[in-house]
């Protein structure tokens, strides 16, 4: 594996590149697989085809857990804290979820599959056929 910042060869488990002092995946100039130079906004390496950015669109958070937290504790914003939307969670906690209206809207968004976590990814029901 190569450091994305300086191109120095690093271990797969390396936390910091010894050549530049940056996290090996923090840069965006070098492909970590083939060491080719890449544009800043590239999603895939043109030379070897490896994904340079996280290309998954679904959230890592469980849909059912988010749904149940919103259903039972939605007016306190607990589902927002669970999905790392802490800023909105604090506002929901202080306003009691807009007297439940905000929690109801979030519940509908979770059920129809348009609710996003704190990273902007959709919290999707993966059990659908």
N, C-alpha and C. Protein backbone atom coordinates (compact mmCIF):
# COMPACT_ATOMS: atom_id res chain seq x y z
N UNK A 1 0.85 -1.17 0.00
CA UNK A 1 0.00 0.00 0.00
C UNK A 1 0.89 1.24 0.00
N UNK A 2 0.41 2.29 -0.63
CA UNK A 2 1.16 3.54 -0.71
C UNK A 2 0.40 4.67 -0.03
N UNK A 3 1.14 5.61 0.54
CA UNK A 3 0.55 6.79 1.18
C UNK A 3 -0.12 7.64 0.11
N UNK A 4 -1.36 8.06 0.35
CA UNK A 4 -2.09 8.87 -0.64
C UNK A 4 -1.57 10.30 -0.67
N UNK A 5 -0.77 10.69 0.31
CA UNK A 5 -0.24 12.06 0.35
C UNK A 5 1.11 12.16 -0.36
N UNK A 6 2.06 11.25 -0.01
CA UNK A 6 3.42 11.38 -0.56
C UNK A 6 3.84 10.23 -1.47
N UNK A 7 3.12 9.10 -1.46
CA UNK A 7 3.47 7.98 -2.31
C UNK A 7 4.45 7.00 -1.70
N UNK A 8 4.86 7.22 -0.46
CA UNK A 8 5.78 6.32 0.22
C UNK A 8 5.08 5.00 0.52
N UNK A 9 5.81 3.88 0.41
CA UNK A 9 5.21 2.58 0.72
C UNK A 9 5.02 2.46 2.23
N UNK A 10 3.81 2.07 2.65
CA UNK A 10 3.48 1.92 4.07
C UNK A 10 2.78 0.59 4.29
N UNK A 11 2.77 0.15 5.54
CA UNK A 11 2.09 -1.08 5.92
C UNK A 11 0.58 -0.87 5.85
N UNK A 12 -0.18 -1.96 5.63
CA UNK A 12 -1.65 -1.89 5.60
C UNK A 12 -2.20 -1.39 6.94
N UNK A 13 -1.49 -1.69 8.03
CA UNK A 13 -1.95 -1.33 9.37
C UNK A 13 -1.39 0.01 9.86
N UNK A 14 -0.63 0.69 9.02
CA UNK A 14 0.01 1.94 9.43
C UNK A 14 -1.03 3.01 9.74
N UNK A 15 -0.79 3.74 10.82
CA UNK A 15 -1.67 4.83 11.21
C UNK A 15 -1.15 6.15 10.66
N UNK A 16 0.19 6.27 10.62
CA UNK A 16 0.83 7.49 10.12
C UNK A 16 1.97 7.10 9.19
N UNK A 17 2.10 7.82 8.09
CA UNK A 17 3.21 7.63 7.16
C UNK A 17 4.47 8.23 7.79
N UNK A 18 5.55 7.47 7.85
CA UNK A 18 6.79 7.97 8.46
C UNK A 18 7.48 9.01 7.58
N UNK A 19 7.18 9.03 6.29
CA UNK A 19 7.82 9.99 5.39
C UNK A 19 7.21 11.39 5.48
N UNK A 20 5.89 11.47 5.60
CA UNK A 20 5.25 12.80 5.59
C UNK A 20 4.49 13.12 6.88
N UNK A 21 4.29 12.13 7.75
CA UNK A 21 3.61 12.37 9.03
C UNK A 21 2.10 12.50 8.93
N UNK A 22 1.52 12.10 7.81
CA UNK A 22 0.08 12.19 7.60
C UNK A 22 -0.51 10.78 7.59
N UNK A 23 -1.79 10.65 7.93
CA UNK A 23 -2.46 9.37 7.83
C UNK A 23 -2.38 8.90 6.38
N UNK A 24 -2.03 7.63 6.12
CA UNK A 24 -1.81 7.16 4.75
C UNK A 24 -2.99 7.36 3.79
N UNK A 25 -4.21 7.37 4.30
CA UNK A 25 -5.38 7.54 3.43
C UNK A 25 -5.91 8.98 3.44
N UNK A 26 -5.20 9.90 4.10
CA UNK A 26 -5.67 11.28 4.22
C UNK A 26 -5.46 12.10 2.95
N UNK A 27 -4.48 11.78 2.17
CA UNK A 27 -4.20 12.56 0.97
C UNK A 27 -5.13 12.19 -0.18
N UNK A 28 -4.91 12.83 -1.32
CA UNK A 28 -5.72 12.51 -2.50
C UNK A 28 -4.91 12.63 -3.79
N UNK A 29 -3.58 12.57 -3.68
CA UNK A 29 -2.74 12.76 -4.86
C UNK A 29 -2.25 11.46 -5.48
N UNK A 30 -2.16 10.38 -4.68
CA UNK A 30 -1.55 9.13 -5.12
C UNK A 30 -2.53 7.97 -4.93
N UNK A 31 -2.55 7.03 -5.88
CA UNK A 31 -3.36 5.82 -5.74
C UNK A 31 -2.69 4.91 -4.71
N UNK A 32 -3.40 4.43 -3.69
CA UNK A 32 -2.78 3.58 -2.68
C UNK A 32 -2.45 2.18 -3.20
N UNK A 33 -2.97 1.81 -4.36
CA UNK A 33 -2.75 0.48 -4.90
C UNK A 33 -1.58 0.42 -5.88
N UNK A 34 -1.51 1.37 -6.83
CA UNK A 34 -0.50 1.29 -7.89
C UNK A 34 0.48 2.47 -7.89
N UNK A 35 0.30 3.43 -7.01
CA UNK A 35 1.17 4.59 -6.85
C UNK A 35 1.08 5.60 -8.01
N UNK A 36 0.03 5.50 -8.80
CA UNK A 36 -0.17 6.45 -9.90
C UNK A 36 -0.69 7.78 -9.36
N UNK A 37 -0.35 8.85 -10.04
CA UNK A 37 -0.85 10.17 -9.66
C UNK A 37 -2.34 10.26 -10.03
N UNK A 38 -3.15 10.82 -9.12
CA UNK A 38 -4.59 10.91 -9.36
C UNK A 38 -5.08 12.35 -9.17
N UNK A 39 -6.10 12.76 -9.92
CA UNK A 39 -6.69 14.08 -9.70
C UNK A 39 -7.37 14.15 -8.33
N UNK A 40 -7.51 15.34 -7.79
CA UNK A 40 -8.09 15.51 -6.46
C UNK A 40 -9.51 14.98 -6.35
N UNK A 41 -10.30 15.11 -7.39
CA UNK A 41 -11.70 14.72 -7.32
C UNK A 41 -11.99 13.34 -7.90
N UNK A 42 -10.96 12.53 -8.18
CA UNK A 42 -11.15 11.21 -8.78
C UNK A 42 -11.79 10.25 -7.78
N UNK A 43 -12.72 9.43 -8.28
CA UNK A 43 -13.36 8.41 -7.46
C UNK A 43 -12.66 7.07 -7.64
N UNK A 44 -12.16 6.81 -8.85
CA UNK A 44 -11.44 5.57 -9.15
C UNK A 44 -10.10 5.91 -9.79
N UNK A 45 -9.12 5.03 -9.60
CA UNK A 45 -7.82 5.19 -10.25
C UNK A 45 -7.96 4.78 -11.71
N UNK A 46 -7.50 5.63 -12.62
CA UNK A 46 -7.61 5.35 -14.05
C UNK A 46 -6.67 4.21 -14.45
N UNK A 47 -5.54 4.08 -13.77
CA UNK A 47 -4.54 3.08 -14.13
C UNK A 47 -4.94 1.67 -13.69
N UNK A 48 -5.37 1.51 -12.42
CA UNK A 48 -5.64 0.16 -11.91
C UNK A 48 -7.12 -0.09 -11.58
N UNK A 49 -7.95 0.96 -11.51
CA UNK A 49 -9.38 0.79 -11.29
C UNK A 49 -9.82 0.67 -9.85
N UNK A 50 -8.92 0.83 -8.90
CA UNK A 50 -9.29 0.71 -7.49
C UNK A 50 -10.09 1.94 -7.06
N UNK A 51 -11.06 1.73 -6.15
CA UNK A 51 -11.86 2.85 -5.63
C UNK A 51 -11.00 3.71 -4.72
N UNK A 52 -10.97 5.02 -4.99
CA UNK A 52 -10.18 5.94 -4.19
C UNK A 52 -10.98 6.55 -3.06
N UNK A 53 -12.30 6.52 -3.18
CA UNK A 53 -13.18 7.07 -2.15
C UNK A 53 -14.21 6.02 -1.79
N UNK A 54 -14.87 6.23 -0.67
CA UNK A 54 -15.95 5.33 -0.26
C UNK A 54 -17.10 5.50 -1.23
N UNK A 55 -17.42 4.46 -1.97
CA UNK A 55 -18.46 4.55 -2.99
C UNK A 55 -19.79 3.97 -2.53
N UNK A 56 -19.88 3.56 -1.27
CA UNK A 56 -21.15 3.03 -0.78
C UNK A 56 -22.10 4.18 -0.47
N UNK A 57 -23.35 3.98 -0.79
CA UNK A 57 -24.35 5.02 -0.58
C UNK A 57 -25.23 4.74 0.63
N UNK A 58 -25.24 3.51 1.12
CA UNK A 58 -26.04 3.17 2.28
C UNK A 58 -25.28 3.42 3.57
N UNK A 59 -26.01 3.81 4.58
CA UNK A 59 -25.44 4.10 5.88
C UNK A 59 -25.01 2.82 6.59
N UNK A 60 -24.10 2.96 7.53
CA UNK A 60 -23.67 1.82 8.34
C UNK A 60 -24.64 1.56 9.49
N UNK A 61 -25.58 2.47 9.73
CA UNK A 61 -26.50 2.35 10.85
C UNK A 61 -27.69 1.47 10.47
N UNK A 62 -28.15 0.69 11.45
CA UNK A 62 -29.23 -0.25 11.23
C UNK A 62 -30.57 0.48 11.08
N UNK A 63 -31.32 0.13 10.05
CA UNK A 63 -32.59 0.76 9.75
C UNK A 63 -33.62 0.48 10.85
N UNK A 64 -33.72 -0.77 11.27
CA UNK A 64 -34.72 -1.14 12.28
C UNK A 64 -34.44 -0.46 13.61
N UNK A 65 -33.19 -0.40 14.02
CA UNK A 65 -32.83 0.28 15.26
C UNK A 65 -33.19 1.76 15.18
N UNK A 66 -32.88 2.39 14.06
CA UNK A 66 -33.22 3.80 13.87
C UNK A 66 -34.73 4.00 13.92
N UNK A 67 -35.46 3.11 13.28
CA UNK A 67 -36.93 3.19 13.27
C UNK A 67 -37.50 3.07 14.68
N UNK A 68 -37.03 2.08 15.44
CA UNK A 68 -37.56 1.87 16.79
C UNK A 68 -37.18 3.01 17.73
N UNK A 69 -35.96 3.52 17.61
CA UNK A 69 -35.56 4.66 18.44
C UNK A 69 -36.42 5.88 18.12
N UNK A 70 -36.70 6.10 16.86
CA UNK A 70 -37.53 7.24 16.47
C UNK A 70 -38.97 7.04 16.94
N UNK A 71 -39.47 5.82 16.85
CA UNK A 71 -40.84 5.54 17.24
C UNK A 71 -41.07 5.74 18.74
N UNK A 72 -40.15 5.23 19.57
CA UNK A 72 -40.36 5.27 21.01
C UNK A 72 -39.69 6.46 21.71
N UNK A 73 -38.58 6.96 21.18
CA UNK A 73 -37.85 8.06 21.82
C UNK A 73 -37.61 9.22 20.87
N UNK A 74 -38.42 9.31 19.83
CA UNK A 74 -38.22 10.33 18.80
C UNK A 74 -38.33 11.75 19.29
N UNK A 75 -39.21 12.01 20.26
CA UNK A 75 -39.36 13.40 20.72
C UNK A 75 -38.13 13.87 21.49
N UNK A 76 -37.27 12.95 21.92
CA UNK A 76 -36.02 13.32 22.58
C UNK A 76 -34.84 13.35 21.61
N UNK A 77 -35.06 12.97 20.36
CA UNK A 77 -34.02 13.01 19.34
C UNK A 77 -32.98 11.91 19.46
N UNK A 78 -33.32 10.82 20.17
CA UNK A 78 -32.36 9.74 20.39
C UNK A 78 -31.91 9.12 19.07
N UNK A 79 -32.81 8.99 18.10
CA UNK A 79 -32.43 8.42 16.80
C UNK A 79 -31.41 9.29 16.08
N UNK A 80 -31.45 10.60 16.31
CA UNK A 80 -30.48 11.51 15.71
C UNK A 80 -29.09 11.31 16.33
N UNK A 81 -29.05 11.11 17.65
CA UNK A 81 -27.76 10.83 18.29
C UNK A 81 -27.20 9.50 17.80
N UNK A 82 -28.07 8.50 17.65
CA UNK A 82 -27.64 7.18 17.17
C UNK A 82 -27.02 7.26 15.78
N UNK A 83 -27.60 8.08 14.91
CA UNK A 83 -27.09 8.19 13.53
C UNK A 83 -26.06 9.30 13.35
N UNK A 84 -25.50 9.78 14.45
CA UNK A 84 -24.42 10.78 14.45
C UNK A 84 -24.83 12.15 13.93
N UNK A 85 -26.11 12.47 14.00
CA UNK A 85 -26.60 13.82 13.69
C UNK A 85 -26.78 14.55 15.01
N UNK A 86 -25.68 14.74 15.74
CA UNK A 86 -25.78 15.25 17.11
C UNK A 86 -26.29 16.68 17.19
N UNK A 87 -25.97 17.51 16.23
CA UNK A 87 -26.45 18.89 16.27
C UNK A 87 -27.96 18.96 16.23
N UNK A 88 -28.56 18.23 15.29
CA UNK A 88 -30.02 18.21 15.19
C UNK A 88 -30.60 17.47 16.40
N UNK A 89 -29.89 16.46 16.89
CA UNK A 89 -30.35 15.73 18.08
C UNK A 89 -30.46 16.63 19.29
N UNK A 90 -29.50 17.52 19.47
CA UNK A 90 -29.54 18.46 20.60
C UNK A 90 -30.72 19.41 20.46
N UNK A 91 -30.95 19.90 19.25
CA UNK A 91 -32.09 20.80 19.02
C UNK A 91 -33.40 20.07 19.28
N UNK A 92 -33.50 18.82 18.82
CA UNK A 92 -34.71 18.04 19.06
C UNK A 92 -34.91 17.79 20.55
N UNK A 93 -33.84 17.54 21.26
CA UNK A 93 -33.93 17.31 22.70
C UNK A 93 -34.42 18.56 23.42
N UNK A 94 -33.90 19.71 23.05
CA UNK A 94 -34.29 20.96 23.70
C UNK A 94 -35.72 21.39 23.37
N UNK A 95 -36.19 21.05 22.17
CA UNK A 95 -37.54 21.45 21.77
C UNK A 95 -38.54 20.31 21.89
N UNK A 96 -38.09 19.18 22.46
CA UNK A 96 -38.91 17.96 22.54
C UNK A 96 -39.44 17.57 21.16
N UNK A 97 -38.55 17.64 20.21
CA UNK A 97 -38.88 17.23 18.84
C UNK A 97 -39.96 18.08 18.21
N UNK A 98 -39.98 19.35 18.55
CA UNK A 98 -41.02 20.22 18.00
C UNK A 98 -42.40 19.72 18.39
N UNK A 99 -42.51 19.33 19.68
CA UNK A 99 -43.77 18.77 20.23
C UNK A 99 -44.19 17.51 19.48
N UNK A 100 -43.23 16.73 19.01
CA UNK A 100 -43.51 15.46 18.35
C UNK A 100 -43.65 15.55 16.84
N UNK A 101 -43.81 16.75 16.31
CA UNK A 101 -43.98 16.90 14.86
C UNK A 101 -42.70 16.49 14.12
N UNK A 102 -41.56 16.95 14.64
CA UNK A 102 -40.27 16.64 14.01
C UNK A 102 -40.03 15.13 14.01
N UNK A 103 -40.34 14.47 15.14
CA UNK A 103 -40.16 13.02 15.24
C UNK A 103 -41.07 12.29 14.26
N UNK A 104 -42.29 12.78 14.08
CA UNK A 104 -43.22 12.18 13.14
C UNK A 104 -42.69 12.30 11.70
N UNK A 105 -42.16 13.45 11.37
CA UNK A 105 -41.58 13.65 10.03
C UNK A 105 -40.37 12.73 9.83
N UNK A 106 -39.50 12.63 10.86
CA UNK A 106 -38.36 11.72 10.77
C UNK A 106 -38.81 10.28 10.62
N UNK A 107 -39.86 9.90 11.35
CA UNK A 107 -40.39 8.53 11.27
C UNK A 107 -40.86 8.22 9.85
N UNK A 108 -41.56 9.14 9.25
CA UNK A 108 -42.02 8.95 7.87
C UNK A 108 -40.83 8.84 6.92
N UNK A 109 -39.82 9.69 7.12
CA UNK A 109 -38.62 9.64 6.26
C UNK A 109 -37.88 8.31 6.41
N UNK A 110 -37.83 7.77 7.63
CA UNK A 110 -37.16 6.48 7.85
C UNK A 110 -37.93 5.37 7.14
N UNK A 111 -39.25 5.36 7.27
CA UNK A 111 -40.07 4.32 6.67
C UNK A 111 -39.97 4.33 5.14
N UNK A 112 -40.01 5.51 4.53
CA UNK A 112 -39.96 5.58 3.06
C UNK A 112 -38.54 5.48 2.50
N UNK A 113 -37.52 5.52 3.37
CA UNK A 113 -36.15 5.34 2.91
C UNK A 113 -35.43 6.58 2.45
N UNK A 114 -35.82 7.75 2.97
CA UNK A 114 -35.14 8.98 2.59
C UNK A 114 -34.42 9.66 3.76
N UNK A 115 -34.34 8.98 4.90
CA UNK A 115 -33.67 9.53 6.08
C UNK A 115 -32.16 9.37 5.94
N UNK A 116 -31.42 10.44 6.20
CA UNK A 116 -29.96 10.41 6.07
C UNK A 116 -29.29 10.51 7.44
N UNK A 117 -28.15 9.82 7.57
CA UNK A 117 -27.40 9.89 8.82
C UNK A 117 -26.53 11.15 8.85
N UNK A 118 -25.71 11.27 9.88
CA UNK A 118 -24.85 12.44 10.04
C UNK A 118 -23.78 12.56 8.97
N UNK A 119 -23.53 11.50 8.21
CA UNK A 119 -22.54 11.52 7.15
C UNK A 119 -23.17 11.74 5.78
N UNK A 120 -24.49 11.93 5.75
CA UNK A 120 -25.19 12.17 4.50
C UNK A 120 -25.59 10.92 3.74
N UNK A 121 -25.40 9.75 4.33
CA UNK A 121 -25.76 8.50 3.67
C UNK A 121 -27.17 8.08 4.10
N UNK A 122 -27.88 7.43 3.21
CA UNK A 122 -29.26 7.02 3.48
C UNK A 122 -29.28 5.80 4.39
N UNK A 123 -30.07 5.88 5.46
CA UNK A 123 -30.29 4.75 6.36
C UNK A 123 -31.36 3.89 5.69
N UNK A 124 -30.93 2.83 5.01
CA UNK A 124 -31.83 2.03 4.19
C UNK A 124 -32.19 0.71 4.85
N UNK A 125 -33.36 0.22 4.52
CA UNK A 125 -33.80 -1.09 4.97
C UNK A 125 -33.17 -2.12 4.05
N UNK A 126 -32.18 -2.84 4.54
CA UNK A 126 -31.45 -3.81 3.71
C UNK A 126 -32.17 -5.15 3.63
N UNK A 127 -33.26 -5.33 4.38
CA UNK A 127 -33.95 -6.62 4.39
C UNK A 127 -35.03 -6.71 3.33
N UNK A 128 -35.25 -5.64 2.57
CA UNK A 128 -36.26 -5.67 1.50
C UNK A 128 -35.83 -6.61 0.39
N UNK A 129 -36.80 -7.20 -0.25
CA UNK A 129 -36.51 -8.12 -1.36
C UNK A 129 -36.59 -7.38 -2.67
